[in-house]
Amino acid sequence: MSIVETVTKLVTPILDDHHFELVDIEFVKEGKSWYLRVFIDKEGGINIEECALVSDQLSEKLDNCDPDPIPQAYYLEVSSPGAERPLKKEKDYERALNSYINVSLYQQLDGKKVYEGTMTALSKDELTLEYMDKTRKKTITIPRKQIAKARLAIKF
């Protein structure tokens, strides 16, 4: 079982107890240090005290695991996904309908690999994005299997 799978199993009951939602977990090396990042949210947004509460409870559970699921030294960070929240689960996409999003593709579609615009339609197989190309409003339908990453975006 991967570290992300193990941490998901450990953190889920904590989040369920507090009616929080697990957005994402990543275990990454940056420079010489490892980071275990747990992104959580709730209706109306998560605050720093709630992140600290989950961090304390998860840290205790991780410390009591035998064998240790993460043998190397690491930093545990529990935080909100922020304004540019990733769209990972179906529920994330549904919640982002009619929102401004950024979509990165595995390969070019109509000459571009990245689109940013308002998601106007969503189905199991594709999403429709309304975006600006210089001064012209355009619409593109993107097959979901071509999406490498999607996230909420801030419109400037």
N, C-alpha and C. Protein backbone atom coordinates (compact mmCIF):
# COMPACT_ATOMS: atom_id res chain seq x y z
N MET A 1 0.85 -1.18 0.00
CA MET A 1 0.00 0.00 0.00
C MET A 1 0.89 1.24 0.00
N SER A 2 0.52 2.24 -0.82
CA SER A 2 1.33 3.46 -0.92
C SER A 2 1.13 4.33 0.33
N ILE A 3 2.03 5.28 0.51
CA ILE A 3 1.93 6.21 1.64
C ILE A 3 0.63 7.00 1.55
N VAL A 4 0.27 7.45 0.35
CA VAL A 4 -0.96 8.22 0.16
C VAL A 4 -2.18 7.37 0.54
N GLU A 5 -2.20 6.11 0.14
CA GLU A 5 -3.32 5.22 0.50
C GLU A 5 -3.40 5.01 2.01
N THR A 6 -2.25 4.79 2.64
CA THR A 6 -2.19 4.60 4.09
C THR A 6 -2.70 5.83 4.83
N VAL A 7 -2.22 7.00 4.42
CA VAL A 7 -2.62 8.25 5.08
C VAL A 7 -4.11 8.51 4.84
N THR A 8 -4.60 8.18 3.66
CA THR A 8 -6.03 8.34 3.37
C THR A 8 -6.86 7.53 4.36
N LYS A 9 -6.45 6.27 4.59
CA LYS A 9 -7.17 5.41 5.55
C LYS A 9 -7.11 5.97 6.97
N LEU A 10 -5.98 6.56 7.34
CA LEU A 10 -5.81 7.10 8.69
C LEU A 10 -6.58 8.40 8.90
N VAL A 11 -6.60 9.26 7.88
CA VAL A 11 -7.19 10.59 8.06
C VAL A 11 -8.71 10.59 7.84
N THR A 12 -9.24 9.66 7.06
CA THR A 12 -10.67 9.67 6.74
C THR A 12 -11.58 9.64 7.97
N PRO A 13 -11.33 8.76 8.97
CA PRO A 13 -12.20 8.79 10.15
C PRO A 13 -12.12 10.11 10.93
N ILE A 14 -10.94 10.72 10.95
CA ILE A 14 -10.77 12.02 11.63
C ILE A 14 -11.65 13.06 10.92
N LEU A 15 -11.56 13.09 9.60
CA LEU A 15 -12.33 14.07 8.83
C LEU A 15 -13.83 13.81 8.95
N ASP A 16 -14.21 12.53 8.92
CA ASP A 16 -15.63 12.19 9.06
C ASP A 16 -16.19 12.66 10.40
N ASP A 17 -15.40 12.50 11.47
CA ASP A 17 -15.83 12.94 12.81
C ASP A 17 -16.16 14.43 12.85
N HIS A 18 -15.43 15.22 12.06
CA HIS A 18 -15.59 16.68 12.08
C HIS A 18 -16.39 17.20 10.89
N HIS A 19 -16.87 16.29 10.05
CA HIS A 19 -17.63 16.66 8.83
C HIS A 19 -16.79 17.50 7.88
N PHE A 20 -15.50 17.12 7.77
CA PHE A 20 -14.60 17.77 6.82
C PHE A 20 -14.47 16.85 5.60
N GLU A 21 -13.96 17.43 4.52
CA GLU A 21 -13.79 16.68 3.27
C GLU A 21 -12.31 16.57 2.94
N LEU A 22 -11.88 15.40 2.49
CA LEU A 22 -10.52 15.23 2.00
C LEU A 22 -10.49 15.66 0.55
N VAL A 23 -9.65 16.65 0.23
CA VAL A 23 -9.53 17.15 -1.14
C VAL A 23 -8.40 16.41 -1.86
N ASP A 24 -7.25 16.30 -1.20
CA ASP A 24 -6.09 15.68 -1.85
C ASP A 24 -5.03 15.36 -0.80
N ILE A 25 -4.16 14.42 -1.15
CA ILE A 25 -2.98 14.10 -0.34
C ILE A 25 -1.82 13.96 -1.30
N GLU A 26 -0.69 14.55 -0.93
CA GLU A 26 0.52 14.35 -1.73
C GLU A 26 1.71 14.12 -0.81
N PHE A 27 2.62 13.27 -1.27
CA PHE A 27 3.86 13.01 -0.55
C PHE A 27 4.97 13.29 -1.55
N VAL A 28 5.66 14.43 -1.37
CA VAL A 28 6.61 14.90 -2.38
C VAL A 28 7.93 15.32 -1.76
N LYS A 29 8.98 15.21 -2.56
CA LYS A 29 10.30 15.66 -2.13
C LYS A 29 10.57 17.00 -2.79
N GLU A 30 10.92 17.98 -1.97
CA GLU A 30 11.28 19.30 -2.47
C GLU A 30 12.63 19.65 -1.87
N GLY A 31 13.61 19.78 -2.74
CA GLY A 31 14.97 19.98 -2.26
C GLY A 31 15.40 18.72 -1.53
N LYS A 32 15.85 18.87 -0.29
CA LYS A 32 16.30 17.71 0.49
C LYS A 32 15.22 17.19 1.43
N SER A 33 14.08 17.86 1.47
CA SER A 33 13.04 17.51 2.44
C SER A 33 11.82 16.86 1.80
N TRP A 34 11.18 15.97 2.57
CA TRP A 34 9.94 15.33 2.16
C TRP A 34 8.77 16.04 2.84
N TYR A 35 7.66 16.17 2.12
CA TYR A 35 6.46 16.81 2.64
C TYR A 35 5.25 15.90 2.44
N LEU A 36 4.51 15.71 3.51
CA LEU A 36 3.22 15.02 3.44
C LEU A 36 2.18 16.12 3.57
N ARG A 37 1.47 16.38 2.46
CA ARG A 37 0.49 17.47 2.44
C ARG A 37 -0.91 16.89 2.34
N VAL A 38 -1.75 17.31 3.27
CA VAL A 38 -3.13 16.87 3.32
C VAL A 38 -4.00 18.11 3.16
N PHE A 39 -4.80 18.13 2.09
CA PHE A 39 -5.66 19.27 1.80
C PHE A 39 -7.09 18.92 2.19
N ILE A 40 -7.67 19.74 3.05
CA ILE A 40 -9.03 19.47 3.55
C ILE A 40 -9.91 20.70 3.35
N ASP A 41 -11.21 20.47 3.39
CA ASP A 41 -12.15 21.57 3.21
C ASP A 41 -13.47 21.22 3.89
N LYS A 42 -14.36 22.18 3.93
CA LYS A 42 -15.72 21.96 4.40
C LYS A 42 -16.59 23.04 3.80
N GLU A 43 -17.88 22.84 3.87
CA GLU A 43 -18.82 23.84 3.38
C GLU A 43 -18.52 25.16 4.07
N GLY A 44 -18.33 26.22 3.30
CA GLY A 44 -18.04 27.53 3.89
C GLY A 44 -16.56 27.77 4.13
N GLY A 45 -15.71 26.76 3.87
CA GLY A 45 -14.27 26.92 4.02
C GLY A 45 -13.73 26.43 5.35
N ILE A 46 -12.48 26.06 5.34
CA ILE A 46 -11.81 25.50 6.52
C ILE A 46 -10.94 26.60 7.14
N ASN A 47 -10.77 26.60 8.46
CA ASN A 47 -9.92 27.63 9.07
C ASN A 47 -8.65 26.99 9.65
N ILE A 48 -7.75 27.82 10.11
CA ILE A 48 -6.44 27.35 10.57
C ILE A 48 -6.55 26.48 11.82
N GLU A 49 -7.49 26.79 12.71
CA GLU A 49 -7.66 25.98 13.92
C GLU A 49 -8.11 24.56 13.55
N GLU A 50 -8.99 24.46 12.55
CA GLU A 50 -9.46 23.14 12.11
C GLU A 50 -8.34 22.35 11.44
N CYS A 51 -7.49 23.03 10.68
CA CYS A 51 -6.33 22.37 10.07
C CYS A 51 -5.38 21.87 11.17
N ALA A 52 -5.16 22.68 12.20
CA ALA A 52 -4.28 22.29 13.31
C ALA A 52 -4.85 21.09 14.06
N LEU A 53 -6.16 21.07 14.26
CA LEU A 53 -6.83 19.95 14.93
C LEU A 53 -6.59 18.65 14.16
N VAL A 54 -6.81 18.67 12.86
CA VAL A 54 -6.61 17.48 12.03
C VAL A 54 -5.13 17.09 12.02
N SER A 55 -4.25 18.08 11.94
CA SER A 55 -2.81 17.82 11.94
C SER A 55 -2.40 17.09 13.22
N ASP A 56 -2.86 17.58 14.37
CA ASP A 56 -2.53 16.97 15.66
C ASP A 56 -3.03 15.52 15.73
N GLN A 57 -4.29 15.31 15.32
CA GLN A 57 -4.87 13.96 15.41
C GLN A 57 -4.22 13.00 14.42
N LEU A 58 -3.93 13.48 13.21
CA LEU A 58 -3.28 12.62 12.21
C LEU A 58 -1.85 12.31 12.63
N SER A 59 -1.15 13.31 13.15
CA SER A 59 0.23 13.12 13.60
C SER A 59 0.30 12.03 14.68
N GLU A 60 -0.65 12.07 15.61
CA GLU A 60 -0.70 11.06 16.67
C GLU A 60 -0.94 9.65 16.08
N LYS A 61 -1.85 9.56 15.14
CA LYS A 61 -2.12 8.26 14.51
C LYS A 61 -0.89 7.75 13.75
N LEU A 62 -0.23 8.64 13.02
CA LEU A 62 0.97 8.24 12.28
C LEU A 62 2.08 7.78 13.23
N ASP A 63 2.23 8.47 14.35
CA ASP A 63 3.26 8.11 15.34
C ASP A 63 3.00 6.73 15.96
N ASN A 64 1.72 6.34 16.04
CA ASN A 64 1.36 5.07 16.67
C ASN A 64 1.30 3.90 15.69
N CYS A 65 1.58 4.14 14.40
CA CYS A 65 1.57 3.05 13.42
C CYS A 65 2.82 2.19 13.58
N ASP A 66 2.62 0.89 13.52
CA ASP A 66 3.76 -0.03 13.58
C ASP A 66 3.51 -1.14 12.57
N PRO A 67 4.30 -1.25 11.53
CA PRO A 67 5.51 -0.47 11.25
C PRO A 67 5.17 0.95 10.77
N ASP A 68 6.14 1.83 10.89
CA ASP A 68 5.98 3.22 10.48
C ASP A 68 5.75 3.27 8.97
N PRO A 69 4.61 3.84 8.52
CA PRO A 69 4.34 3.90 7.08
C PRO A 69 5.25 4.86 6.32
N ILE A 70 5.89 5.78 7.06
CA ILE A 70 6.79 6.75 6.42
C ILE A 70 8.11 6.73 7.19
N PRO A 71 9.04 5.85 6.78
CA PRO A 71 10.28 5.69 7.54
C PRO A 71 11.21 6.91 7.50
N GLN A 72 11.18 7.70 6.41
CA GLN A 72 12.08 8.85 6.35
C GLN A 72 11.46 10.05 7.08
N ALA A 73 12.32 11.04 7.41
CA ALA A 73 11.85 12.27 8.05
C ALA A 73 11.01 13.05 7.04
N TYR A 74 9.95 13.72 7.53
CA TYR A 74 9.09 14.50 6.62
C TYR A 74 8.39 15.58 7.43
N TYR A 75 7.85 16.55 6.72
CA TYR A 75 7.04 17.60 7.33
C TYR A 75 5.58 17.31 7.00
N LEU A 76 4.71 17.36 8.01
CA LEU A 76 3.28 17.19 7.81
C LEU A 76 2.65 18.57 7.69
N GLU A 77 1.92 18.80 6.59
CA GLU A 77 1.21 20.05 6.39
C GLU A 77 -0.25 19.73 6.12
N VAL A 78 -1.15 20.29 6.92
CA VAL A 78 -2.59 20.14 6.71
C VAL A 78 -3.11 21.53 6.41
N SER A 79 -3.76 21.68 5.24
CA SER A 79 -4.21 23.02 4.86
C SER A 79 -5.43 22.97 3.95
N SER A 80 -5.94 24.14 3.67
CA SER A 80 -7.03 24.33 2.73
C SER A 80 -6.46 24.20 1.32
N PRO A 81 -7.28 23.76 0.35
CA PRO A 81 -6.77 23.67 -1.02
C PRO A 81 -6.58 25.04 -1.65
N GLY A 82 -7.11 26.08 -1.04
CA GLY A 82 -6.91 27.44 -1.55
C GLY A 82 -7.87 27.79 -2.68
N ALA A 83 -7.69 28.99 -3.21
CA ALA A 83 -8.59 29.51 -4.25
C ALA A 83 -8.47 28.73 -5.55
N GLU A 84 -7.28 28.17 -5.81
CA GLU A 84 -7.09 27.43 -7.05
C GLU A 84 -7.12 25.93 -6.77
N ARG A 85 -8.17 25.53 -6.11
CA ARG A 85 -8.39 24.15 -5.70
C ARG A 85 -8.37 23.19 -6.90
N PRO A 86 -7.66 22.06 -6.76
CA PRO A 86 -7.64 21.08 -7.86
C PRO A 86 -9.00 20.39 -8.00
N LEU A 87 -9.33 20.03 -9.22
CA LEU A 87 -10.54 19.25 -9.48
C LEU A 87 -10.09 17.82 -9.69
N LYS A 88 -10.37 16.96 -8.75
CA LYS A 88 -9.91 15.57 -8.80
C LYS A 88 -11.08 14.61 -8.89
N LYS A 89 -12.04 14.79 -7.99
CA LYS A 89 -13.17 13.86 -7.91
C LYS A 89 -14.34 14.40 -8.73
N GLU A 90 -15.27 13.50 -9.04
CA GLU A 90 -16.46 13.90 -9.79
C GLU A 90 -17.19 15.04 -9.10
N LYS A 91 -17.28 14.96 -7.76
CA LYS A 91 -17.96 16.00 -6.98
C LYS A 91 -17.28 17.36 -7.17
N ASP A 92 -15.94 17.37 -7.32
CA ASP A 92 -15.22 18.62 -7.55
C ASP A 92 -15.62 19.25 -8.88
N TYR A 93 -15.72 18.41 -9.91
CA TYR A 93 -16.13 18.91 -11.22
C TYR A 93 -17.56 19.44 -11.18
N GLU A 94 -18.44 18.70 -10.52
CA GLU A 94 -19.85 19.12 -10.44
C GLU A 94 -19.97 20.46 -9.71
N ARG A 95 -19.20 20.62 -8.64
CA ARG A 95 -19.23 21.86 -7.87
C ARG A 95 -18.66 23.03 -8.69
N ALA A 96 -17.76 22.73 -9.64
CA ALA A 96 -17.10 23.77 -10.43
C ALA A 96 -17.89 24.16 -11.69
N LEU A 97 -19.02 23.52 -11.92
CA LEU A 97 -19.84 23.88 -13.08
C LEU A 97 -20.20 25.37 -12.99
N ASN A 98 -20.06 26.07 -14.10
CA ASN A 98 -20.29 27.52 -14.20
C ASN A 98 -19.23 28.34 -13.47
N SER A 99 -18.11 27.71 -13.15
CA SER A 99 -16.98 28.42 -12.52
C SER A 99 -15.85 28.57 -13.53
N TYR A 100 -14.94 29.48 -13.23
CA TYR A 100 -13.76 29.73 -14.06
C TYR A 100 -12.70 28.71 -13.68
N ILE A 101 -12.22 27.92 -14.64
CA ILE A 101 -11.26 26.86 -14.35
C ILE A 101 -10.09 26.88 -15.33
N ASN A 102 -9.03 26.20 -14.95
CA ASN A 102 -7.84 26.00 -15.78
C ASN A 102 -7.74 24.51 -16.06
N VAL A 103 -7.56 24.15 -17.33
CA VAL A 103 -7.48 22.75 -17.73
C VAL A 103 -6.20 22.53 -18.53
N SER A 104 -5.36 21.58 -18.08
CA SER A 104 -4.15 21.19 -18.80
C SER A 104 -4.42 19.83 -19.44
N LEU A 105 -4.03 19.70 -20.72
CA LEU A 105 -4.31 18.48 -21.46
C LEU A 105 -3.04 17.65 -21.68
N TYR A 106 -3.24 16.36 -21.91
CA TYR A 106 -2.11 15.47 -22.23
C TYR A 106 -1.54 15.79 -23.60
N GLN A 107 -2.41 16.18 -24.54
CA GLN A 107 -1.95 16.54 -25.87
C GLN A 107 -2.79 17.71 -26.38
N GLN A 108 -2.27 18.39 -27.39
CA GLN A 108 -2.94 19.58 -27.90
C GLN A 108 -4.33 19.28 -28.45
N LEU A 109 -5.21 20.23 -28.25
CA LEU A 109 -6.56 20.18 -28.81
C LEU A 109 -6.77 21.56 -29.43
N ASP A 110 -7.02 21.60 -30.72
CA ASP A 110 -7.13 22.87 -31.46
C ASP A 110 -5.89 23.74 -31.25
N GLY A 111 -4.72 23.10 -31.20
CA GLY A 111 -3.46 23.83 -31.13
C GLY A 111 -3.01 24.29 -29.76
N LYS A 112 -3.75 23.95 -28.71
CA LYS A 112 -3.38 24.38 -27.36
C LYS A 112 -3.43 23.21 -26.37
N LYS A 113 -2.55 23.27 -25.35
CA LYS A 113 -2.56 22.25 -24.29
C LYS A 113 -3.16 22.76 -22.99
N VAL A 114 -3.37 24.07 -22.88
CA VAL A 114 -3.93 24.66 -21.67
C VAL A 114 -5.07 25.61 -22.05
N TYR A 115 -6.19 25.43 -21.38
CA TYR A 115 -7.35 26.30 -21.58
C TYR A 115 -7.79 26.85 -20.24
N GLU A 116 -8.26 28.11 -20.26
CA GLU A 116 -8.80 28.71 -19.05
C GLU A 116 -10.09 29.42 -19.44
N GLY A 117 -11.16 29.06 -18.76
CA GLY A 117 -12.44 29.67 -19.07
C GLY A 117 -13.52 29.15 -18.13
N THR A 118 -14.77 29.44 -18.47
CA THR A 118 -15.90 29.04 -17.64
C THR A 118 -16.44 27.70 -18.13
N MET A 119 -16.52 26.73 -17.20
CA MET A 119 -17.08 25.43 -17.55
C MET A 119 -18.59 25.59 -17.61
N THR A 120 -19.15 25.45 -18.82
CA THR A 120 -20.58 25.68 -19.01
C THR A 120 -21.39 24.39 -19.07
N ALA A 121 -20.71 23.26 -19.30
CA ALA A 121 -21.42 21.98 -19.35
C ALA A 121 -20.47 20.87 -18.92
N LEU A 122 -21.06 19.81 -18.37
CA LEU A 122 -20.27 18.69 -17.86
C LEU A 122 -21.05 17.40 -18.05
N SER A 123 -20.37 16.40 -18.60
CA SER A 123 -20.97 15.07 -18.68
C SER A 123 -19.92 14.07 -18.21
N LYS A 124 -20.28 12.81 -18.22
CA LYS A 124 -19.36 11.75 -17.78
C LYS A 124 -18.10 11.73 -18.67
N ASP A 125 -18.26 12.05 -19.95
CA ASP A 125 -17.15 11.92 -20.91
C ASP A 125 -16.47 13.21 -21.34
N GLU A 126 -17.13 14.36 -21.13
CA GLU A 126 -16.53 15.61 -21.61
C GLU A 126 -17.03 16.81 -20.81
N LEU A 127 -16.29 17.92 -21.01
CA LEU A 127 -16.74 19.18 -20.43
C LEU A 127 -16.65 20.26 -21.50
N THR A 128 -17.47 21.27 -21.35
CA THR A 128 -17.49 22.37 -22.30
C THR A 128 -16.98 23.63 -21.60
N LEU A 129 -16.07 24.31 -22.27
CA LEU A 129 -15.43 25.49 -21.70
C LEU A 129 -15.68 26.68 -22.62
N GLU A 130 -16.09 27.78 -22.04
CA GLU A 130 -16.23 29.04 -22.78
C GLU A 130 -15.03 29.88 -22.41
N TYR A 131 -14.24 30.28 -23.42
CA TYR A 131 -13.00 31.00 -23.13
C TYR A 131 -12.81 32.14 -24.13
N MET A 132 -11.88 33.02 -23.80
CA MET A 132 -11.57 34.16 -24.66
C MET A 132 -10.31 33.84 -25.47
N ASP A 133 -10.39 34.05 -26.77
CA ASP A 133 -9.22 33.93 -27.66
C ASP A 133 -8.98 35.34 -28.18
N LYS A 134 -8.02 36.02 -27.59
CA LYS A 134 -7.79 37.45 -27.80
C LYS A 134 -9.07 38.19 -27.43
N THR A 135 -9.84 38.69 -28.40
CA THR A 135 -11.05 39.44 -28.06
C THR A 135 -12.33 38.68 -28.41
N ARG A 136 -12.18 37.43 -28.86
CA ARG A 136 -13.36 36.67 -29.28
C ARG A 136 -13.70 35.57 -28.27
N LYS A 137 -14.99 35.47 -27.95
CA LYS A 137 -15.46 34.42 -27.05
C LYS A 137 -15.61 33.14 -27.88
N LYS A 138 -15.01 32.04 -27.39
CA LYS A 138 -15.08 30.75 -28.09
C LYS A 138 -15.54 29.67 -27.11
N THR A 139 -15.97 28.56 -27.68
CA THR A 139 -16.39 27.40 -26.88
C THR A 139 -15.64 26.18 -27.38
N ILE A 140 -15.19 25.35 -26.46
CA ILE A 140 -14.53 24.10 -26.82
C ILE A 140 -15.08 22.98 -25.94
N THR A 141 -15.26 21.82 -26.54
CA THR A 141 -15.66 20.63 -25.78
C THR A 141 -14.42 19.75 -25.65
N ILE A 142 -14.08 19.43 -24.42
CA ILE A 142 -12.84 18.69 -24.13
C ILE A 142 -13.20 17.30 -23.61
N PRO A 143 -12.69 16.24 -24.27
CA PRO A 143 -12.90 14.88 -23.73
C PRO A 143 -12.18 14.77 -22.39
N ARG A 144 -12.89 14.28 -21.38
CA ARG A 144 -12.31 14.23 -20.02
C ARG A 144 -11.09 13.33 -19.94
N LYS A 145 -11.01 12.30 -20.77
CA LYS A 145 -9.85 11.41 -20.73
C LYS A 145 -8.57 12.11 -21.22
N GLN A 146 -8.71 13.28 -21.86
CA GLN A 146 -7.54 14.04 -22.31
C GLN A 146 -7.05 15.04 -21.26
N ILE A 147 -7.78 15.16 -20.14
CA ILE A 147 -7.42 16.14 -19.11
C ILE A 147 -6.34 15.58 -18.19
N ALA A 148 -5.18 16.25 -18.18
CA ALA A 148 -4.09 15.86 -17.29
C ALA A 148 -4.34 16.44 -15.90
N LYS A 149 -4.74 17.71 -15.84
CA LYS A 149 -5.01 18.40 -14.56
C LYS A 149 -6.09 19.44 -14.79
N ALA A 150 -6.90 19.65 -13.76
CA ALA A 150 -7.89 20.72 -13.81
C ALA A 150 -7.96 21.33 -12.41
N ARG A 151 -8.19 22.64 -12.37
CA ARG A 151 -8.29 23.33 -11.09
C ARG A 151 -9.15 24.57 -11.26
N LEU A 152 -9.68 25.05 -10.14
CA LEU A 152 -10.34 26.34 -10.16
C LEU A 152 -9.28 27.39 -10.48
N ALA A 153 -9.67 28.47 -11.12
CA ALA A 153 -8.72 29.52 -11.46
C ALA A 153 -9.29 30.86 -11.05
N ILE A 154 -8.41 31.82 -10.89
CA ILE A 154 -8.80 33.18 -10.56
C ILE A 154 -8.76 33.99 -11.84
N LYS A 155 -9.86 34.66 -12.15
CA LYS A 155 -9.97 35.43 -13.37
C LYS A 155 -9.49 36.85 -13.11
N PHE A 156 -8.55 37.30 -13.93
CA PHE A 156 -8.02 38.66 -13.78
C PHE A 156 -8.60 39.57 -14.84
